Amino acid sequence: MILPKYSNIFVKMGSTFSENFIIKNVDTTALDLTPYTIEASFSNSILPQTSVNASSVITINLTSAISNPLQGIITLSATSTETAAYKFGRYFYQVNLIDSSLNKFRVFEGILTVDP
């Protein structure tokens, strides 16, 4: 199947953000994303909300799309209005593929840094 990749992302507050990622099989060929949906979010906590004070956890969804399913390409994006509302700091982000049985597979994770 897929091994999760680690990659850092940098976002400038108030600017449009868009970044492409290629999801590959373990043999390095592009994964066909046709049978999947995708979700992406970032949070100030790597721990589940049940493990920390839930009122202190900030989780924000990123716009995510499968932009070229046969080539394994996904795009994460945010508008300038959305990034203007982000708070300066470092966050943990993750990108998951979801199959038809609603099983989730983490494909990317890392640190998302929001700069003023």
PDB file of N, CA and C in Angstrom:
ATOM      1  N   MET A   1       0.849  -1.190   0.000  1.00  0.00           N
ATOM      2  CA  MET A   1       0.000   0.000   0.000  1.00  0.00           C
ATOM      3  C   MET A   1       0.881   1.236   0.000  1.00  0.00           C
ATOM      4  N   ILE A   2       0.554   2.205   0.800  1.00  0.00           N
ATOM      5  CA  ILE A   2       1.203   3.510   0.779  1.00  0.00           C
ATOM      6  C   ILE A   2       1.952   3.728   2.086  1.00  0.00           C
ATOM      7  N   LEU A   3       3.158   4.248   1.973  1.00  0.00           N
ATOM      8  CA  LEU A   3       3.894   4.654   3.158  1.00  0.00           C
ATOM      9  C   LEU A   3       3.731   6.160   3.319  1.00  0.00           C
ATOM     10  N   PRO A   4       3.358   6.646   4.516  1.00  0.00           N
ATOM     11  CA  PRO A   4       3.195   8.088   4.690  1.00  0.00           C
ATOM     12  C   PRO A   4       4.518   8.822   4.477  1.00  0.00           C
ATOM     13  N   LYS A   5       4.437   9.990   3.898  1.00  0.00           N
ATOM     14  CA  LYS A   5       5.608  10.828   3.647  1.00  0.00           C
ATOM     15  C   LYS A   5       5.563  12.025   4.582  1.00  0.00           C
ATOM     16  N   TYR A   6       6.738  12.512   4.958  1.00  0.00           N
ATOM     17  CA  TYR A   6       6.844  13.682   5.805  1.00  0.00           C
ATOM     18  C   TYR A   6       7.296  14.856   4.943  1.00  0.00           C
ATOM     19  N   SER A   7       6.578  15.945   5.022  1.00  0.00           N
ATOM     20  CA  SER A   7       6.920  17.133   4.253  1.00  0.00           C
ATOM     21  C   SER A   7       6.440  18.362   5.012  1.00  0.00           C
ATOM     22  N   ASN A   8       7.278  19.387   5.111  1.00  0.00           N
ATOM     23  CA  ASN A   8       6.886  20.625   5.779  1.00  0.00           C
ATOM     24  C   ASN A   8       6.258  21.586   4.791  1.00  0.00           C
ATOM     25  N   ILE A   9       5.304  22.379   5.283  1.00  0.00           N
ATOM     26  CA  ILE A   9       4.577  23.355   4.471  1.00  0.00           C
ATOM     27  C   ILE A   9       4.732  24.724   5.128  1.00  0.00           C
ATOM     28  N   PHE A  10       4.891  25.756   4.293  1.00  0.00           N
ATOM     29  CA  PHE A  10       4.975  27.126   4.779  1.00  0.00           C
ATOM     30  C   PHE A  10       3.860  27.942   4.147  1.00  0.00           C
ATOM     31  N   VAL A  11       3.100  28.661   4.986  1.00  0.00           N
ATOM     32  CA  VAL A  11       1.979  29.472   4.526  1.00  0.00           C
ATOM     33  C   VAL A  11       2.182  30.895   5.019  1.00  0.00           C
ATOM     34  N   LYS A  12       2.030  31.867   4.131  1.00  0.00           N
ATOM     35  CA  LYS A  12       2.113  33.278   4.498  1.00  0.00           C
ATOM     36  C   LYS A  12       0.703  33.781   4.762  1.00  0.00           C
ATOM     37  N   MET A  13       0.485  34.371   5.942  1.00  0.00           N
ATOM     38  CA  MET A  13      -0.834  34.890   6.295  1.00  0.00           C
ATOM     39  C   MET A  13      -1.278  35.920   5.264  1.00  0.00           C
ATOM     40  N   GLY A  14      -2.532  35.828   4.842  1.00  0.00           N
ATOM     41  CA  GLY A  14      -3.087  36.790   3.906  1.00  0.00           C
ATOM     42  C   GLY A  14      -2.754  36.534   2.452  1.00  0.00           C
ATOM     43  N   SER A  15      -2.077  35.431   2.159  1.00  0.00           N
ATOM     44  CA  SER A  15      -1.750  35.125   0.762  1.00  0.00           C
ATOM     45  C   SER A  15      -2.450  33.834   0.334  1.00  0.00           C
ATOM     46  N   THR A  16      -2.626  33.687  -0.954  1.00  0.00           N
ATOM     47  CA  THR A  16      -3.203  32.461  -1.498  1.00  0.00           C
ATOM     48  C   THR A  16      -2.162  31.353  -1.393  1.00  0.00           C
ATOM     49  N   PHE A  17      -2.606  30.185  -0.971  1.00  0.00           N
ATOM     50  CA  PHE A  17      -1.715  29.043  -0.798  1.00  0.00           C
ATOM     51  C   PHE A  17      -2.193  27.897  -1.670  1.00  0.00           C
ATOM     52  N   SER A  18      -1.262  27.241  -2.361  1.00  0.00           N
ATOM     53  CA  SER A  18      -1.570  26.044  -3.136  1.00  0.00           C
ATOM     54  C   SER A  18      -0.300  25.215  -3.268  1.00  0.00           C
ATOM     55  N   GLU A  19      -0.412  23.941  -2.986  1.00  0.00           N
ATOM     56  CA  GLU A  19       0.742  23.056  -3.111  1.00  0.00           C
ATOM     57  C   GLU A  19       0.291  21.686  -3.582  1.00  0.00           C
ATOM     58  N   ASN A  20       1.018  21.132  -4.558  1.00  0.00           N
ATOM     59  CA  ASN A  20       0.725  19.801  -5.086  1.00  0.00           C
ATOM     60  C   ASN A  20       1.601  18.759  -4.409  1.00  0.00           C
ATOM     61  N   PHE A  21       1.046  17.578  -4.242  1.00  0.00           N
ATOM     62  CA  PHE A  21       1.768  16.429  -3.710  1.00  0.00           C
ATOM     63  C   PHE A  21       1.504  15.250  -4.629  1.00  0.00           C
ATOM     64  N   ILE A  22       2.490  14.388  -4.779  1.00  0.00           N
ATOM     65  CA  ILE A  22       2.320  13.159  -5.560  1.00  0.00           C
ATOM     66  C   ILE A  22       2.346  11.986  -4.596  1.00  0.00           C
ATOM     67  N   ILE A  23       1.308  11.177  -4.660  1.00  0.00           N
ATOM     68  CA  ILE A  23       1.218  10.005  -3.801  1.00  0.00           C
ATOM     69  C   ILE A  23       1.691   8.802  -4.609  1.00  0.00           C
ATOM     70  N   LYS A  24       2.646   8.080  -4.033  1.00  0.00           N
ATOM     71  CA  LYS A  24       3.244   6.950  -4.745  1.00  0.00           C
ATOM     72  C   LYS A  24       3.053   5.649  -3.974  1.00  0.00           C
ATOM     73  N   ASN A  25       3.009   4.568  -4.719  1.00  0.00           N
ATOM     74  CA  ASN A  25       3.028   3.228  -4.145  1.00  0.00           C
ATOM     75  C   ASN A  25       4.422   2.957  -3.582  1.00  0.00           C
ATOM     76  N   VAL A  26       4.578   1.873  -2.846  1.00  0.00           N
ATOM     77  CA  VAL A  26       5.892   1.535  -2.302  1.00  0.00           C
ATOM     78  C   VAL A  26       6.909   1.256  -3.399  1.00  0.00           C
ATOM     79  N   ASP A  27       6.449   0.880  -4.603  1.00  0.00           N
ATOM     80  CA  ASP A  27       7.383   0.656  -5.715  1.00  0.00           C
ATOM     81  C   ASP A  27       7.685   1.948  -6.484  1.00  0.00           C
ATOM     82  N   THR A  28       7.287   3.094  -5.937  1.00  0.00           N
ATOM     83  CA  THR A  28       7.498   4.457  -6.448  1.00  0.00           C
ATOM     84  C   THR A  28       6.683   4.820  -7.683  1.00  0.00           C
ATOM     85  N   THR A  29       5.760   3.960  -8.109  1.00  0.00           N
ATOM     86  CA  THR A  29       4.850   4.342  -9.187  1.00  0.00           C
ATOM     87  C   THR A  29       3.723   5.184  -8.591  1.00  0.00           C
ATOM     88  N   ALA A  30       3.116   6.019  -9.413  1.00  0.00           N
ATOM     89  CA  ALA A  30       2.019   6.865  -8.941  1.00  0.00           C
ATOM     90  C   ALA A  30       0.824   5.998  -8.537  1.00  0.00           C
ATOM     91  N   LEU A  31       0.230   6.322  -7.410  1.00  0.00           N
ATOM     92  CA  LEU A  31      -0.958   5.615  -6.946  1.00  0.00           C
ATOM     93  C   LEU A  31      -2.177   6.142  -7.694  1.00  0.00           C
ATOM     94  N   ASP A  32      -2.983   5.243  -8.225  1.00  0.00           N
ATOM     95  CA  ASP A  32      -4.237   5.636  -8.881  1.00  0.00           C
ATOM     96  C   ASP A  32      -5.222   6.043  -7.787  1.00  0.00           C
ATOM     97  N   LEU A  33      -5.602   7.305  -7.768  1.00  0.00           N
ATOM     98  CA  LEU A  33      -6.464   7.838  -6.710  1.00  0.00           C
ATOM     99  C   LEU A  33      -7.948   7.783  -7.055  1.00  0.00           C
ATOM    100  N   THR A  34      -8.285   7.172  -8.180  1.00  0.00           N
ATOM    101  CA  THR A  34      -9.674   7.130  -8.633  1.00  0.00           C
ATOM    102  C   THR A  34     -10.640   6.606  -7.567  1.00  0.00           C
ATOM    103  N   PRO A  35     -10.309   5.546  -6.812  1.00  0.00           N
ATOM    104  CA  PRO A  35     -11.291   5.040  -5.852  1.00  0.00           C
ATOM    105  C   PRO A  35     -11.296   5.755  -4.492  1.00  0.00           C
ATOM    106  N   TYR A  36     -10.568   6.858  -4.352  1.00  0.00           N
ATOM    107  CA  TYR A  36     -10.424   7.509  -3.055  1.00  0.00           C
ATOM    108  C   TYR A  36     -11.016   8.910  -3.021  1.00  0.00           C
ATOM    109  N   THR A  37     -11.322   9.346  -1.804  1.00  0.00           N
ATOM    110  CA  THR A  37     -11.546  10.761  -1.528  1.00  0.00           C
ATOM    111  C   THR A  37     -10.395  11.187  -0.615  1.00  0.00           C
ATOM    112  N   ILE A  38     -10.315  12.467  -0.326  1.00  0.00           N
ATOM    113  CA  ILE A  38      -9.175  12.973   0.426  1.00  0.00           C
ATOM    114  C   ILE A  38      -9.636  13.982   1.469  1.00  0.00           C
ATOM    115  N   GLU A  39      -8.907  14.048   2.569  1.00  0.00           N
ATOM    116  CA  GLU A  39      -9.150  15.073   3.581  1.00  0.00           C
ATOM    117  C   GLU A  39      -7.804  15.566   4.100  1.00  0.00           C
ATOM    118  N   ALA A  40      -7.756  16.830   4.489  1.00  0.00           N
ATOM    119  CA  ALA A  40      -6.526  17.418   5.016  1.00  0.00           C
ATOM    120  C   ALA A  40      -6.886  18.423   6.098  1.00  0.00           C
ATOM    121  N   SER A  41      -6.100  18.444   7.154  1.00  0.00           N
ATOM    122  CA  SER A  41      -6.333  19.392   8.232  1.00  0.00           C
ATOM    123  C   SER A  41      -5.023  19.675   8.955  1.00  0.00           C
ATOM    124  N   PHE A  42      -5.022  20.760   9.737  1.00  0.00           N
ATOM    125  CA  PHE A  42      -3.892  21.003  10.610  1.00  0.00           C
ATOM    126  C   PHE A  42      -4.387  21.409  11.982  1.00  0.00           C
ATOM    127  N   SER A  43      -3.562  21.140  12.973  1.00  0.00           N
ATOM    128  CA  SER A  43      -3.952  21.322  14.367  1.00  0.00           C
ATOM    129  C   SER A  43      -2.743  21.742  15.187  1.00  0.00           C
ATOM    130  N   ASN A  44      -3.004  22.407  16.302  1.00  0.00           N
ATOM    131  CA  ASN A  44      -1.915  22.776  17.198  1.00  0.00           C
ATOM    132  C   ASN A  44      -1.549  21.644  18.155  1.00  0.00           C
ATOM    133  N   SER A  45      -2.182  20.488  18.005  1.00  0.00           N
ATOM    134  CA  SER A  45      -1.883  19.339  18.859  1.00  0.00           C
ATOM    135  C   SER A  45      -1.787  18.080  18.008  1.00  0.00           C
ATOM    136  N   ILE A  46      -0.762  17.295  18.257  1.00  0.00           N
ATOM    137  CA  ILE A  46      -0.618  16.015  17.563  1.00  0.00           C
ATOM    138  C   ILE A  46      -1.460  14.943  18.254  1.00  0.00           C
ATOM    139  N   LEU A  47      -1.874  15.219  19.506  1.00  0.00           N
ATOM    140  CA  LEU A  47      -2.652  14.267  20.288  1.00  0.00           C
ATOM    141  C   LEU A  47      -4.129  14.361  19.949  1.00  0.00           C
ATOM    142  N   PRO A  48      -4.862  13.262  20.073  1.00  0.00           N
ATOM    143  CA  PRO A  48      -6.312  13.324  19.869  1.00  0.00           C
ATOM    144  C   PRO A  48      -6.939  14.270  20.890  1.00  0.00           C
ATOM    145  N   GLN A  49      -8.057  14.890  20.534  1.00  0.00           N
ATOM    146  CA  GLN A  49      -8.700  15.838  21.445  1.00  0.00           C
ATOM    147  C   GLN A  49      -9.073  15.208  22.778  1.00  0.00           C
ATOM    148  N   THR A  50      -9.308  13.915  22.823  1.00  0.00           N
ATOM    149  CA  THR A  50      -9.652  13.261  24.084  1.00  0.00           C
ATOM    150  C   THR A  50      -8.439  13.175  25.014  1.00  0.00           C
ATOM    151  N   SER A  51      -7.210  13.359  24.476  1.00  0.00           N
ATOM    152  CA  SER A  51      -5.998  13.247  25.283  1.00  0.00           C
ATOM    153  C   SER A  51      -5.560  14.584  25.863  1.00  0.00           C
ATOM    154  N   VAL A  52      -6.121  15.679  25.374  1.00  0.00           N
ATOM    155  CA  VAL A  52      -5.741  17.006  25.842  1.00  0.00           C
ATOM    156  C   VAL A  52      -7.001  17.803  26.132  1.00  0.00           C
ATOM    157  N   ASN A  53      -6.823  18.981  26.693  1.00  0.00           N
ATOM    158  CA  ASN A  53      -7.958  19.853  26.936  1.00  0.00           C
ATOM    159  C   ASN A  53      -8.540  20.269  25.588  1.00  0.00           C
ATOM    160  N   ALA A  54      -9.718  19.763  25.252  1.00  0.00           N
ATOM    161  CA  ALA A  54     -10.305  19.984  23.928  1.00  0.00           C
ATOM    162  C   ALA A  54     -10.495  21.463  23.614  1.00  0.00           C
ATOM    163  N   SER A  55     -10.700  22.305  24.628  1.00  0.00           N
ATOM    164  CA  SER A  55     -10.915  23.729  24.362  1.00  0.00           C
ATOM    165  C   SER A  55      -9.636  24.427  23.909  1.00  0.00           C
ATOM    166  N   SER A  56      -8.480  23.798  24.124  1.00  0.00           N
ATOM    167  CA  SER A  56      -7.222  24.421  23.712  1.00  0.00           C
ATOM    168  C   SER A  56      -6.740  23.923  22.354  1.00  0.00           C
ATOM    169  N   VAL A  57      -7.457  22.975  21.758  1.00  0.00           N
ATOM    170  CA  VAL A  57      -7.048  22.405  20.473  1.00  0.00           C
ATOM    171  C   VAL A  57      -7.704  23.180  19.333  1.00  0.00           C
ATOM    172  N   ILE A  58      -6.870  23.626  18.401  1.00  0.00           N
ATOM    173  CA  ILE A  58      -7.356  24.307  17.202  1.00  0.00           C
ATOM    174  C   ILE A  58      -7.154  23.358  16.030  1.00  0.00           C
ATOM    175  N   THR A  59      -8.216  23.021  15.323  1.00  0.00           N
ATOM    176  CA  THR A  59      -8.111  22.185  14.127  1.00  0.00           C
ATOM    177  C   THR A  59      -8.760  22.929  12.967  1.00  0.00           C
ATOM    178  N   ILE A  60      -8.033  23.049  11.862  1.00  0.00           N
ATOM    179  CA  ILE A  60      -8.510  23.772  10.692  1.00  0.00           C
ATOM    180  C   ILE A  60      -8.395  22.856   9.478  1.00  0.00           C
ATOM    181  N   ASN A  61      -9.469  22.756   8.715  1.00  0.00           N
ATOM    182  CA  ASN A  61      -9.439  21.950   7.497  1.00  0.00           C
ATOM    183  C   ASN A  61      -8.836  22.754   6.352  1.00  0.00           C
ATOM    184  N   LEU A  62      -8.019  22.101   5.554  1.00  0.00           N
ATOM    185  CA  LEU A  62      -7.486  22.693   4.333  1.00  0.00           C
ATOM    186  C   LEU A  62      -8.337  22.219   3.169  1.00  0.00           C
ATOM    187  N   THR A  63      -8.493  23.059   2.162  1.00  0.00           N
ATOM    188  CA  THR A  63      -9.164  22.612   0.951  1.00  0.00           C
ATOM    189  C   THR A  63      -8.248  21.595   0.280  1.00  0.00           C
ATOM    190  N   SER A  64      -8.782  20.438  -0.013  1.00  0.00           N
ATOM    191  CA  SER A  64      -7.979  19.381  -0.626  1.00  0.00           C
ATOM    192  C   SER A  64      -8.739  18.813  -1.813  1.00  0.00           C
ATOM    193  N   ALA A  65      -7.988  18.498  -2.853  1.00  0.00           N
ATOM    194  CA  ALA A  65      -8.606  17.968  -4.065  1.00  0.00           C
ATOM    195  C   ALA A  65      -7.665  16.975  -4.729  1.00  0.00           C
ATOM    196  N   ILE A  66      -8.249  15.976  -5.356  1.00  0.00           N
ATOM    197  CA  ILE A  66      -7.471  15.063  -6.191  1.00  0.00           C
ATOM    198  C   ILE A  66      -7.444  15.706  -7.570  1.00  0.00           C
ATOM    199  N   SER A  67      -6.305  16.321  -7.919  1.00  0.00           N
ATOM    200  CA  SER A  67      -6.234  17.099  -9.152  1.00  0.00           C
ATOM    201  C   SER A  67      -5.898  16.272 -10.380  1.00  0.00           C
ATOM    202  N   ASN A  68      -5.211  15.154 -10.216  1.00  0.00           N
ATOM    203  CA  ASN A  68      -4.923  14.253 -11.341  1.00  0.00           C
ATOM    204  C   ASN A  68      -4.893  12.832 -10.777  1.00  0.00           C
ATOM    205  N   PRO A  69      -6.045  12.146 -10.749  1.00  0.00           N
ATOM    206  CA  PRO A  69      -6.122  10.850 -10.078  1.00  0.00           C
ATOM    207  C   PRO A  69      -5.187   9.778 -10.639  1.00  0.00           C
ATOM    208  N   LEU A  70      -5.011   9.731 -11.939  1.00  0.00           N
ATOM    209  CA  LEU A  70      -4.171   8.676 -12.521  1.00  0.00           C
ATOM    210  C   LEU A  70      -2.686   8.902 -12.270  1.00  0.00           C
ATOM    211  N   GLN A  71      -2.292  10.134 -12.044  1.00  0.00           N
ATOM    212  CA  GLN A  71      -0.890  10.450 -11.751  1.00  0.00           C
ATOM    213  C   GLN A  71      -0.631  10.576 -10.250  1.00  0.00           C
ATOM    214  N   GLY A  72      -1.661  10.360  -9.414  1.00  0.00           N
ATOM    215  CA  GLY A  72      -1.493  10.405  -7.962  1.00  0.00           C
ATOM    216  C   GLY A  72      -1.293  11.797  -7.404  1.00  0.00           C
ATOM    217  N   ILE A  73      -1.778  12.818  -8.102  1.00  0.00           N
ATOM    218  CA  ILE A  73      -1.530  14.199  -7.678  1.00  0.00           C
ATOM    219  C   ILE A  73      -2.722  14.763  -6.913  1.00  0.00           C
ATOM    220  N   ILE A  74      -2.411  15.307  -5.733  1.00  0.00           N
ATOM    221  CA  ILE A  74      -3.408  16.006  -4.930  1.00  0.00           C
ATOM    222  C   ILE A  74      -2.953  17.454  -4.761  1.00  0.00           C
ATOM    223  N   THR A  75      -3.912  18.324  -4.477  1.00  0.00           N
ATOM    224  CA  THR A  75      -3.607  19.726  -4.256  1.00  0.00           C
ATOM    225  C   THR A  75      -4.225  20.165  -2.934  1.00  0.00           C
ATOM    226  N   LEU A  76      -3.417  20.818  -2.098  1.00  0.00           N
ATOM    227  CA  LEU A  76      -3.901  21.463  -0.884  1.00  0.00           C
ATOM    228  C   LEU A  76      -3.914  22.952  -1.163  1.00  0.00           C
ATOM    229  N   SER A  77      -4.959  23.642  -0.720  1.00  0.00           N
ATOM    230  CA  SER A  77      -5.033  25.069  -1.001  1.00  0.00           C
ATOM    231  C   SER A  77      -5.826  25.804   0.070  1.00  0.00           C
ATOM    232  N   ALA A  78      -5.642  27.134   0.082  1.00  0.00           N
ATOM    233  CA  ALA A  78      -6.397  28.026   0.952  1.00  0.00           C
ATOM    234  C   ALA A  78      -6.414  29.397   0.286  1.00  0.00           C
ATOM    235  N   THR A  79      -7.517  30.100   0.432  1.00  0.00           N
ATOM    236  CA  THR A  79      -7.632  31.434  -0.145  1.00  0.00           C
ATOM    237  C   THR A  79      -6.900  32.441   0.737  1.00  0.00           C
ATOM    238  N   SER A  80      -6.684  33.635   0.208  1.00  0.00           N
ATOM    239  CA  SER A  80      -6.028  34.681   1.004  1.00  0.00           C
ATOM    240  C   SER A  80      -6.885  35.060   2.212  1.00  0.00           C
ATOM    241  N   THR A  81      -8.205  35.008   2.068  1.00  0.00           N
ATOM    242  CA  THR A  81      -9.101  35.297   3.199  1.00  0.00           C
ATOM    243  C   THR A  81      -8.940  34.242   4.288  1.00  0.00           C
ATOM    244  N   GLU A  82      -8.849  32.976   3.879  1.00  0.00           N
ATOM    245  CA  GLU A  82      -8.667  31.895   4.857  1.00  0.00           C
ATOM    246  C   GLU A  82      -7.326  32.023   5.570  1.00  0.00           C
ATOM    247  N   THR A  83      -6.241  32.252   4.832  1.00  0.00           N
ATOM    248  CA  THR A  83      -4.921  32.322   5.470  1.00  0.00           C
ATOM    249  C   THR A  83      -4.783  33.564   6.346  1.00  0.00           C
ATOM    250  N   ALA A  84      -5.525  34.634   6.024  1.00  0.00           N
ATOM    251  CA  ALA A  84      -5.496  35.840   6.859  1.00  0.00           C
ATOM    252  C   ALA A  84      -6.058  35.556   8.252  1.00  0.00           C
ATOM    253  N   ALA A  85      -6.939  34.561   8.340  1.00  0.00           N
ATOM    254  CA  ALA A  85      -7.547  34.208   9.620  1.00  0.00           C
ATOM    255  C   ALA A  85      -6.693  33.234  10.440  1.00  0.00           C
ATOM    256  N   TYR A  86      -5.658  32.653   9.828  1.00  0.00           N
ATOM    257  CA  TYR A  86      -4.793  31.739  10.561  1.00  0.00           C
ATOM    258  C   TYR A  86      -3.993  32.511  11.594  1.00  0.00           C
ATOM    259  N   LYS A  87      -3.642  31.845  12.674  1.00  0.00           N
ATOM    260  CA  LYS A  87      -2.783  32.447  13.689  1.00  0.00           C
ATOM    261  C   LYS A  87      -1.338  32.041  13.432  1.00  0.00           C
ATOM    262  N   PHE A  88      -0.435  32.972  13.637  1.00  0.00           N
ATOM    263  CA  PHE A  88       0.996  32.722  13.488  1.00  0.00           C
ATOM    264  C   PHE A  88       1.388  31.521  14.346  1.00  0.00           C
ATOM    265  N   GLY A  89       2.227  30.636  13.817  1.00  0.00           N
ATOM    266  CA  GLY A  89       2.716  29.513  14.613  1.00  0.00           C
ATOM    267  C   GLY A  89       3.018  28.294  13.779  1.00  0.00           C
ATOM    268  N   ARG A  90       3.322  27.238  14.504  1.00  0.00           N
ATOM    269  CA  ARG A  90       3.620  25.946  13.881  1.00  0.00           C
ATOM    270  C   ARG A  90       2.525  24.967  14.271  1.00  0.00           C
ATOM    271  N   TYR A  91       2.091  24.176  13.282  1.00  0.00           N
ATOM    272  CA  TYR A  91       0.996  23.245  13.465  1.00  0.00           C
ATOM    273  C   TYR A  91       1.376  21.888  12.882  1.00  0.00           C
ATOM    274  N   PHE A  92       0.744  20.845  13.365  1.00  0.00           N
ATOM    275  CA  PHE A  92       0.882  19.515  12.795  1.00  0.00           C
ATOM    276  C   PHE A  92      -0.204  19.371  11.729  1.00  0.00           C
ATOM    277  N   TYR A  93       0.167  18.919  10.521  1.00  0.00           N
ATOM    278  CA  TYR A  93      -0.850  18.690   9.496  1.00  0.00           C
ATOM    279  C   TYR A  93      -0.811  17.226   9.055  1.00  0.00           C
ATOM    280  N   GLN A  94      -1.934  16.802   8.502  1.00  0.00           N
ATOM    281  CA  GLN A  94      -2.022  15.449   7.957  1.00  0.00           C
ATOM    282  C   GLN A  94      -2.961  15.430   6.760  1.00  0.00           C
ATOM    283  N   VAL A  95      -2.653  14.535   5.842  1.00  0.00           N
ATOM    284  CA  VAL A  95      -3.474  14.321   4.655  1.00  0.00           C
ATOM    285  C   VAL A  95      -3.823  12.839   4.627  1.00  0.00           C
ATOM    286  N   ASN A  96      -5.118  12.543   4.533  1.00  0.00           N
ATOM    287  CA  ASN A  96      -5.589  11.158   4.531  1.00  0.00           C
ATOM    288  C   ASN A  96      -6.360  10.849   3.257  1.00  0.00           C
ATOM    289  N   LEU A  97      -6.138   9.645   2.730  1.00  0.00           N
ATOM    290  CA  LEU A  97      -6.999   9.103   1.678  1.00  0.00           C
ATOM    291  C   LEU A  97      -8.093   8.304   2.369  1.00  0.00           C
ATOM    292  N   ILE A  98      -9.281   8.300   1.793  1.00  0.00           N
ATOM    293  CA  ILE A  98     -10.402   7.558   2.352  1.00  0.00           C
ATOM    294  C   ILE A  98     -10.954   6.654   1.262  1.00  0.00           C
ATOM    295  N   ASP A  99     -11.021   5.349   1.563  1.00  0.00           N
ATOM    296  CA  ASP A  99     -11.545   4.417   0.562  1.00  0.00           C
ATOM    297  C   ASP A  99     -13.059   4.290   0.683  1.00  0.00           C
ATOM    298  N   SER A 100     -13.666   3.460  -0.160  1.00  0.00           N
ATOM    299  CA  SER A 100     -15.126   3.325  -0.199  1.00  0.00           C
ATOM    300  C   SER A 100     -15.719   2.721   1.071  1.00  0.00           C
ATOM    301  N   SER A 101     -14.872   2.039   1.872  1.00  0.00           N
ATOM    302  CA  SER A 101     -15.332   1.491   3.156  1.00  0.00           C
ATOM    303  C   SER A 101     -15.084   2.464   4.301  1.00  0.00           C
ATOM    304  N   LEU A 102     -14.666   3.683   3.972  1.00  0.00           N
ATOM    305  CA  LEU A 102     -14.374   4.755   4.921  1.00  0.00           C
ATOM    306  C   LEU A 102     -13.128   4.502   5.771  1.00  0.00           C
ATOM    307  N   ASN A 103     -12.256   3.610   5.285  1.00  0.00           N
ATOM    308  CA  ASN A 103     -10.956   3.418   5.935  1.00  0.00           C
ATOM    309  C   ASN A 103     -10.060   4.589   5.560  1.00  0.00           C
ATOM    310  N   LYS A 104      -9.309   5.091   6.536  1.00  0.00           N
ATOM    311  CA  LYS A 104      -8.415   6.228   6.287  1.00  0.00           C
ATOM    312  C   LYS A 104      -6.969   5.757   6.248  1.00  0.00           C
ATOM    313  N   PHE A 105      -6.219   6.329   5.306  1.00  0.00           N
ATOM    314  CA  PHE A 105      -4.801   6.030   5.148  1.00  0.00           C
ATOM    315  C   PHE A 105      -4.030   7.347   5.112  1.00  0.00           C
ATOM    316  N   ARG A 106      -3.173   7.554   6.087  1.00  0.00           N
ATOM    317  CA  ARG A 106      -2.383   8.786   6.103  1.00  0.00           C
ATOM    318  C   ARG A 106      -1.321   8.696   5.016  1.00  0.00           C
ATOM    319  N   VAL A 107      -1.265   9.715   4.152  1.00  0.00           N
ATOM    320  CA  VAL A 107      -0.307   9.713   3.049  1.00  0.00           C
ATOM    321  C   VAL A 107       0.748  10.805   3.184  1.00  0.00           C
ATOM    322  N   PHE A 108       0.405  11.900   3.872  1.00  0.00           N
ATOM    323  CA  PHE A 108       1.368  12.963   4.147  1.00  0.00           C
ATOM    324  C   PHE A 108       1.115  13.509   5.533  1.00  0.00           C
ATOM    325  N   GLU A 109       2.208  13.935   6.163  1.00  0.00           N
ATOM    326  CA  GLU A 109       2.115  14.611   7.445  1.00  0.00           C
ATOM    327  C   GLU A 109       3.361  15.469   7.613  1.00  0.00           C
ATOM    328  N   GLY A 110       3.290  16.395   8.541  1.00  0.00           N
ATOM    329  CA  GLY A 110       4.445  17.232   8.792  1.00  0.00           C
ATOM    330  C   GLY A 110       4.066  18.473   9.560  1.00  0.00           C
ATOM    331  N   ILE A 111       4.942  19.451   9.495  1.00  0.00           N
ATOM    332  CA  ILE A 111       4.730  20.718  10.185  1.00  0.00           C
ATOM    333  C   ILE A 111       4.280  21.764   9.172  1.00  0.00           C
ATOM    334  N   LEU A 112       3.195  22.457   9.490  1.00  0.00           N
ATOM    335  CA  LEU A 112       2.714  23.584   8.700  1.00  0.00           C
ATOM    336  C   LEU A 112       3.054  24.839   9.493  1.00  0.00           C
ATOM    337  N   THR A 113       3.875  25.710   8.915  1.00  0.00           N
ATOM    338  CA  THR A 113       4.269  26.937   9.572  1.00  0.00           C
ATOM    339  C   THR A 113       3.523  28.096   8.953  1.00  0.00           C
ATOM    340  N   VAL A 114       2.844  28.876   9.798  1.00  0.00           N
ATOM    341  CA  VAL A 114       2.127  30.070   9.355  1.00  0.00           C
ATOM    342  C   VAL A 114       2.985  31.272   9.751  1.00  0.00           C
ATOM    343  N   ASP A 115       3.400  32.047   8.730  1.00  0.00           N
ATOM    344  CA  ASP A 115       4.221  33.238   8.947  1.00  0.00           C
ATOM    345  C   ASP A 115       3.401  34.492   8.686  1.00  0.00           C
ATOM    346  N   PRO A 116       3.637  35.551   9.495  1.00  0.00           N
ATOM    347  CA  PRO A 116       2.895  36.812   9.265  1.00  0.00           C
ATOM    348  C   PRO A 116       3.358  37.500   7.976  1.00  0.00           C
TER     349      PRO A 116
END
